[in-house]
Amino acid sequence: LAAAEAVILRVRGELATRLERLTRLGGDPRWLDFRDTEDCARRIAGCARQIGLTSLAHVASDVASCASARDGPALAATLARLLRIGDRSLAETLDSRGLSG
């Protein structure tokens, strides 16, 4: 059990770091880097799948697809959704596993 919790905490930390990076990457559409956004979103999807956060993984994959297609308006919408779900998912991983303190 301790090993599983360690994995969850490590992946959770990676998710938090990557979500923060996406927040910075998507902050100003004039400076949007589609390639970095796509890469970061794909990494989030992989991390989320690893610890069973399927909604987060799905939306991160959608963000990566929008970035790959260079579709700015769709990317803005899916990125906003990803950040909302990401915040909620990170909080839930702590609460549901009793790791909040």
N, C-alpha and C. Protein backbone atom coordinates (compact mmCIF):
# COMPACT_ATOMS: atom_id res chain seq x y z
N LEU A 1 0.83 -1.21 0.00
CA LEU A 1 0.00 0.00 0.00
C LEU A 1 0.86 1.25 0.00
N ALA A 2 1.94 1.25 0.76
CA ALA A 2 2.81 2.41 0.82
C ALA A 2 3.44 2.70 -0.54
N ALA A 3 3.80 1.65 -1.27
CA ALA A 3 4.38 1.83 -2.60
C ALA A 3 3.36 2.45 -3.56
N ALA A 4 2.12 2.00 -3.47
CA ALA A 4 1.06 2.56 -4.33
C ALA A 4 0.83 4.03 -4.02
N GLU A 5 0.80 4.36 -2.74
CA GLU A 5 0.63 5.76 -2.36
C GLU A 5 1.80 6.60 -2.86
N ALA A 6 3.00 6.05 -2.81
CA ALA A 6 4.17 6.78 -3.30
C ALA A 6 4.05 7.06 -4.80
N VAL A 7 3.57 6.07 -5.55
CA VAL A 7 3.38 6.26 -6.99
C VAL A 7 2.33 7.34 -7.24
N ILE A 8 1.23 7.26 -6.51
CA ILE A 8 0.15 8.24 -6.69
C ILE A 8 0.67 9.64 -6.38
N LEU A 9 1.41 9.79 -5.31
CA LEU A 9 1.93 11.11 -4.95
C LEU A 9 2.93 11.62 -6.00
N ARG A 10 3.76 10.72 -6.52
CA ARG A 10 4.73 11.13 -7.55
C ARG A 10 4.01 11.58 -8.81
N VAL A 11 3.05 10.78 -9.26
CA VAL A 11 2.31 11.11 -10.48
C VAL A 11 1.47 12.37 -10.25
N ARG A 12 0.90 12.49 -9.07
CA ARG A 12 0.12 13.68 -8.75
C ARG A 12 1.00 14.93 -8.84
N GLY A 13 2.23 14.83 -8.35
CA GLY A 13 3.16 15.95 -8.45
C GLY A 13 3.49 16.30 -9.89
N GLU A 14 3.68 15.27 -10.72
CA GLU A 14 3.92 15.50 -12.15
C GLU A 14 2.73 16.18 -12.81
N LEU A 15 1.53 15.72 -12.46
CA LEU A 15 0.32 16.32 -13.02
C LEU A 15 0.23 17.80 -12.62
N ALA A 16 0.47 18.10 -11.37
CA ALA A 16 0.40 19.48 -10.90
C ALA A 16 1.39 20.36 -11.65
N THR A 17 2.61 19.86 -11.84
CA THR A 17 3.64 20.61 -12.55
C THR A 17 3.23 20.85 -14.00
N ARG A 18 2.72 19.82 -14.65
CA ARG A 18 2.34 19.94 -16.06
C ARG A 18 1.10 20.81 -16.24
N LEU A 19 0.15 20.74 -15.32
CA LEU A 19 -1.01 21.62 -15.40
C LEU A 19 -0.59 23.07 -15.21
N GLU A 20 0.34 23.31 -14.32
CA GLU A 20 0.86 24.67 -14.13
C GLU A 20 1.54 25.16 -15.41
N ARG A 21 2.29 24.28 -16.04
CA ARG A 21 2.96 24.64 -17.31
C ARG A 21 1.92 24.97 -18.38
N LEU A 22 0.86 24.18 -18.47
CA LEU A 22 -0.19 24.46 -19.45
C LEU A 22 -0.87 25.79 -19.15
N THR A 23 -1.01 26.12 -17.89
CA THR A 23 -1.61 27.40 -17.52
C THR A 23 -0.76 28.53 -18.11
N ARG A 24 0.55 28.40 -17.98
CA ARG A 24 1.45 29.43 -18.53
C ARG A 24 1.45 29.41 -20.07
N LEU A 25 1.47 28.22 -20.66
CA LEU A 25 1.51 28.12 -22.12
C LEU A 25 0.24 28.69 -22.76
N GLY A 26 -0.89 28.48 -22.13
CA GLY A 26 -2.15 28.92 -22.71
C GLY A 26 -2.61 30.29 -22.25
N GLY A 27 -1.78 30.96 -21.48
CA GLY A 27 -2.19 32.23 -20.90
C GLY A 27 -2.45 33.35 -21.89
N ASP A 28 -1.67 33.43 -22.94
CA ASP A 28 -1.82 34.50 -23.92
C ASP A 28 -1.82 33.89 -25.32
N PRO A 29 -2.97 33.90 -26.00
CA PRO A 29 -3.07 33.24 -27.30
C PRO A 29 -2.07 33.77 -28.33
N ARG A 30 -1.61 35.01 -28.17
CA ARG A 30 -0.63 35.55 -29.14
C ARG A 30 0.69 34.80 -29.07
N TRP A 31 0.98 34.20 -27.91
CA TRP A 31 2.27 33.53 -27.72
C TRP A 31 2.11 32.02 -27.58
N LEU A 32 0.97 31.52 -27.96
CA LEU A 32 0.68 30.10 -27.79
C LEU A 32 1.65 29.24 -28.59
N ASP A 33 2.24 28.29 -27.94
CA ASP A 33 3.13 27.34 -28.60
C ASP A 33 2.37 26.02 -28.72
N PHE A 34 1.85 25.75 -29.91
CA PHE A 34 1.03 24.57 -30.12
C PHE A 34 1.79 23.28 -29.83
N ARG A 35 3.04 23.23 -30.25
CA ARG A 35 3.82 22.00 -30.08
C ARG A 35 4.06 21.71 -28.60
N ASP A 36 4.46 22.70 -27.83
CA ASP A 36 4.67 22.48 -26.40
C ASP A 36 3.37 22.13 -25.69
N THR A 37 2.28 22.79 -26.11
CA THR A 37 0.99 22.51 -25.51
C THR A 37 0.56 21.07 -25.80
N GLU A 38 0.75 20.64 -27.04
CA GLU A 38 0.40 19.27 -27.41
C GLU A 38 1.22 18.26 -26.60
N ASP A 39 2.52 18.48 -26.50
CA ASP A 39 3.39 17.57 -25.76
C ASP A 39 3.00 17.51 -24.28
N CYS A 40 2.78 18.66 -23.70
CA CYS A 40 2.42 18.71 -22.28
C CYS A 40 1.08 18.00 -22.04
N ALA A 41 0.11 18.23 -22.91
CA ALA A 41 -1.20 17.60 -22.76
C ALA A 41 -1.10 16.08 -22.90
N ARG A 42 -0.29 15.62 -23.82
CA ARG A 42 -0.12 14.17 -23.99
C ARG A 42 0.52 13.55 -22.74
N ARG A 43 1.45 14.24 -22.15
CA ARG A 43 2.09 13.75 -20.93
C ARG A 43 1.09 13.73 -19.76
N ILE A 44 0.24 14.74 -19.70
CA ILE A 44 -0.80 14.75 -18.67
C ILE A 44 -1.73 13.56 -18.87
N ALA A 45 -2.12 13.30 -20.11
CA ALA A 45 -3.01 12.17 -20.38
C ALA A 45 -2.38 10.86 -19.91
N GLY A 46 -1.11 10.68 -20.18
CA GLY A 46 -0.42 9.46 -19.76
C GLY A 46 -0.35 9.32 -18.25
N CYS A 47 -0.01 10.41 -17.58
CA CYS A 47 0.05 10.38 -16.11
C CYS A 47 -1.33 10.10 -15.52
N ALA A 48 -2.35 10.74 -16.07
CA ALA A 48 -3.70 10.57 -15.55
C ALA A 48 -4.17 9.13 -15.71
N ARG A 49 -3.88 8.53 -16.85
CA ARG A 49 -4.25 7.12 -17.07
C ARG A 49 -3.56 6.22 -16.05
N GLN A 50 -2.32 6.55 -15.75
CA GLN A 50 -1.53 5.73 -14.84
C GLN A 50 -2.17 5.60 -13.46
N ILE A 51 -2.89 6.62 -13.02
CA ILE A 51 -3.51 6.56 -11.68
C ILE A 51 -5.04 6.56 -11.75
N GLY A 52 -5.58 6.25 -12.93
CA GLY A 52 -7.02 6.04 -13.04
C GLY A 52 -7.87 7.29 -13.16
N LEU A 53 -7.30 8.41 -13.53
CA LEU A 53 -8.07 9.64 -13.72
C LEU A 53 -8.50 9.72 -15.18
N THR A 54 -9.53 8.94 -15.52
CA THR A 54 -9.91 8.77 -16.92
C THR A 54 -10.50 10.04 -17.54
N SER A 55 -11.29 10.80 -16.80
CA SER A 55 -11.84 12.04 -17.35
C SER A 55 -10.72 13.02 -17.67
N LEU A 56 -9.77 13.13 -16.77
CA LEU A 56 -8.63 14.02 -16.99
C LEU A 56 -7.83 13.55 -18.21
N ALA A 57 -7.61 12.26 -18.32
CA ALA A 57 -6.86 11.73 -19.46
C ALA A 57 -7.58 12.02 -20.77
N HIS A 58 -8.89 11.85 -20.77
CA HIS A 58 -9.68 12.07 -21.98
C HIS A 58 -9.60 13.54 -22.43
N VAL A 59 -9.80 14.45 -21.50
CA VAL A 59 -9.78 15.87 -21.85
C VAL A 59 -8.36 16.30 -22.25
N ALA A 60 -7.35 15.77 -21.60
CA ALA A 60 -5.96 16.09 -21.98
C ALA A 60 -5.69 15.62 -23.41
N SER A 61 -6.22 14.47 -23.77
CA SER A 61 -6.07 13.99 -25.15
C SER A 61 -6.79 14.92 -26.13
N ASP A 62 -7.95 15.44 -25.72
CA ASP A 62 -8.66 16.40 -26.57
C ASP A 62 -7.84 17.68 -26.76
N VAL A 63 -7.21 18.14 -25.69
CA VAL A 63 -6.35 19.33 -25.78
C VAL A 63 -5.20 19.07 -26.76
N ALA A 64 -4.58 17.90 -26.64
CA ALA A 64 -3.48 17.56 -27.53
C ALA A 64 -3.95 17.52 -28.99
N SER A 65 -5.13 16.99 -29.23
CA SER A 65 -5.67 16.94 -30.59
C SER A 65 -5.91 18.34 -31.15
N CYS A 66 -6.46 19.22 -30.33
CA CYS A 66 -6.71 20.60 -30.77
C CYS A 66 -5.40 21.32 -31.05
N ALA A 67 -4.40 21.10 -30.21
CA ALA A 67 -3.10 21.73 -30.43
C ALA A 67 -2.46 21.19 -31.70
N SER A 68 -2.57 19.89 -31.92
CA SER A 68 -2.02 19.27 -33.12
C SER A 68 -2.66 19.84 -34.38
N ALA A 69 -3.97 20.11 -34.31
CA ALA A 69 -4.71 20.66 -35.44
C ALA A 69 -4.53 22.18 -35.56
N ARG A 70 -3.85 22.79 -34.61
CA ARG A 70 -3.62 24.25 -34.58
C ARG A 70 -4.95 25.00 -34.59
N ASP A 71 -5.93 24.45 -33.85
CA ASP A 71 -7.26 25.04 -33.76
C ASP A 71 -7.34 25.87 -32.48
N GLY A 72 -7.00 27.14 -32.58
CA GLY A 72 -6.92 28.03 -31.42
C GLY A 72 -8.20 28.13 -30.60
N PRO A 73 -9.36 28.39 -31.23
CA PRO A 73 -10.59 28.50 -30.44
C PRO A 73 -10.95 27.20 -29.71
N ALA A 74 -10.84 26.06 -30.41
CA ALA A 74 -11.14 24.78 -29.76
C ALA A 74 -10.13 24.49 -28.66
N LEU A 75 -8.87 24.85 -28.89
CA LEU A 75 -7.84 24.64 -27.88
C LEU A 75 -8.13 25.46 -26.63
N ALA A 76 -8.52 26.71 -26.81
CA ALA A 76 -8.83 27.55 -25.65
C ALA A 76 -9.95 26.95 -24.81
N ALA A 77 -10.99 26.45 -25.48
CA ALA A 77 -12.12 25.86 -24.76
C ALA A 77 -11.73 24.57 -24.04
N THR A 78 -11.01 23.68 -24.74
CA THR A 78 -10.65 22.41 -24.11
C THR A 78 -9.59 22.60 -23.04
N LEU A 79 -8.71 23.57 -23.23
CA LEU A 79 -7.69 23.85 -22.22
C LEU A 79 -8.34 24.36 -20.94
N ALA A 80 -9.32 25.25 -21.06
CA ALA A 80 -10.02 25.74 -19.88
C ALA A 80 -10.70 24.58 -19.14
N ARG A 81 -11.30 23.69 -19.90
CA ARG A 81 -11.94 22.51 -19.29
C ARG A 81 -10.90 21.62 -18.60
N LEU A 82 -9.76 21.41 -19.27
CA LEU A 82 -8.71 20.58 -18.68
C LEU A 82 -8.22 21.17 -17.36
N LEU A 83 -8.03 22.45 -17.31
CA LEU A 83 -7.53 23.07 -16.08
C LEU A 83 -8.54 22.95 -14.95
N ARG A 84 -9.83 23.09 -15.27
CA ARG A 84 -10.87 22.91 -14.24
C ARG A 84 -10.89 21.47 -13.74
N ILE A 85 -10.90 20.53 -14.67
CA ILE A 85 -10.94 19.11 -14.28
C ILE A 85 -9.65 18.71 -13.58
N GLY A 86 -8.54 19.26 -14.04
CA GLY A 86 -7.26 18.96 -13.41
C GLY A 86 -7.21 19.38 -11.96
N ASP A 87 -7.66 20.59 -11.68
CA ASP A 87 -7.69 21.06 -10.28
C ASP A 87 -8.57 20.16 -9.42
N ARG A 88 -9.74 19.84 -9.93
CA ARG A 88 -10.67 18.99 -9.19
C ARG A 88 -10.08 17.59 -8.98
N SER A 89 -9.48 17.04 -10.02
CA SER A 89 -8.92 15.69 -9.94
C SER A 89 -7.78 15.62 -8.94
N LEU A 90 -6.92 16.62 -8.94
CA LEU A 90 -5.81 16.63 -7.98
C LEU A 90 -6.32 16.68 -6.55
N ALA A 91 -7.34 17.48 -6.31
CA ALA A 91 -7.92 17.55 -4.98
C ALA A 91 -8.54 16.22 -4.58
N GLU A 92 -9.23 15.59 -5.53
CA GLU A 92 -9.88 14.31 -5.24
C GLU A 92 -8.88 13.19 -4.96
N THR A 93 -7.71 13.24 -5.61
CA THR A 93 -6.73 12.18 -5.35
C THR A 93 -6.23 12.25 -3.92
N LEU A 94 -6.18 13.42 -3.37
CA LEU A 94 -5.78 13.55 -1.97
C LEU A 94 -6.90 13.12 -1.04
N ASP A 95 -8.10 13.64 -1.31
CA ASP A 95 -9.23 13.35 -0.42
C ASP A 95 -9.61 11.89 -0.42
N SER A 96 -9.69 11.26 -1.59
CA SER A 96 -10.17 9.89 -1.65
C SER A 96 -9.17 8.88 -1.14
N ARG A 97 -7.93 9.27 -1.05
CA ARG A 97 -6.92 8.32 -0.59
C ARG A 97 -6.42 8.67 0.81
N GLY A 98 -7.05 9.65 1.42
CA GLY A 98 -6.66 10.02 2.78
C GLY A 98 -5.26 10.57 2.88
N LEU A 99 -4.84 11.28 1.80
CA LEU A 99 -3.48 11.81 1.78
C LEU A 99 -3.44 13.31 2.05
N SER A 100 -4.53 13.87 2.53
CA SER A 100 -4.60 15.33 2.65
C SER A 100 -3.92 15.89 3.89
N GLY A 101 -3.27 15.15 4.62
CA GLY A 101 -2.66 15.75 5.80
C GLY A 101 -1.44 15.07 6.10
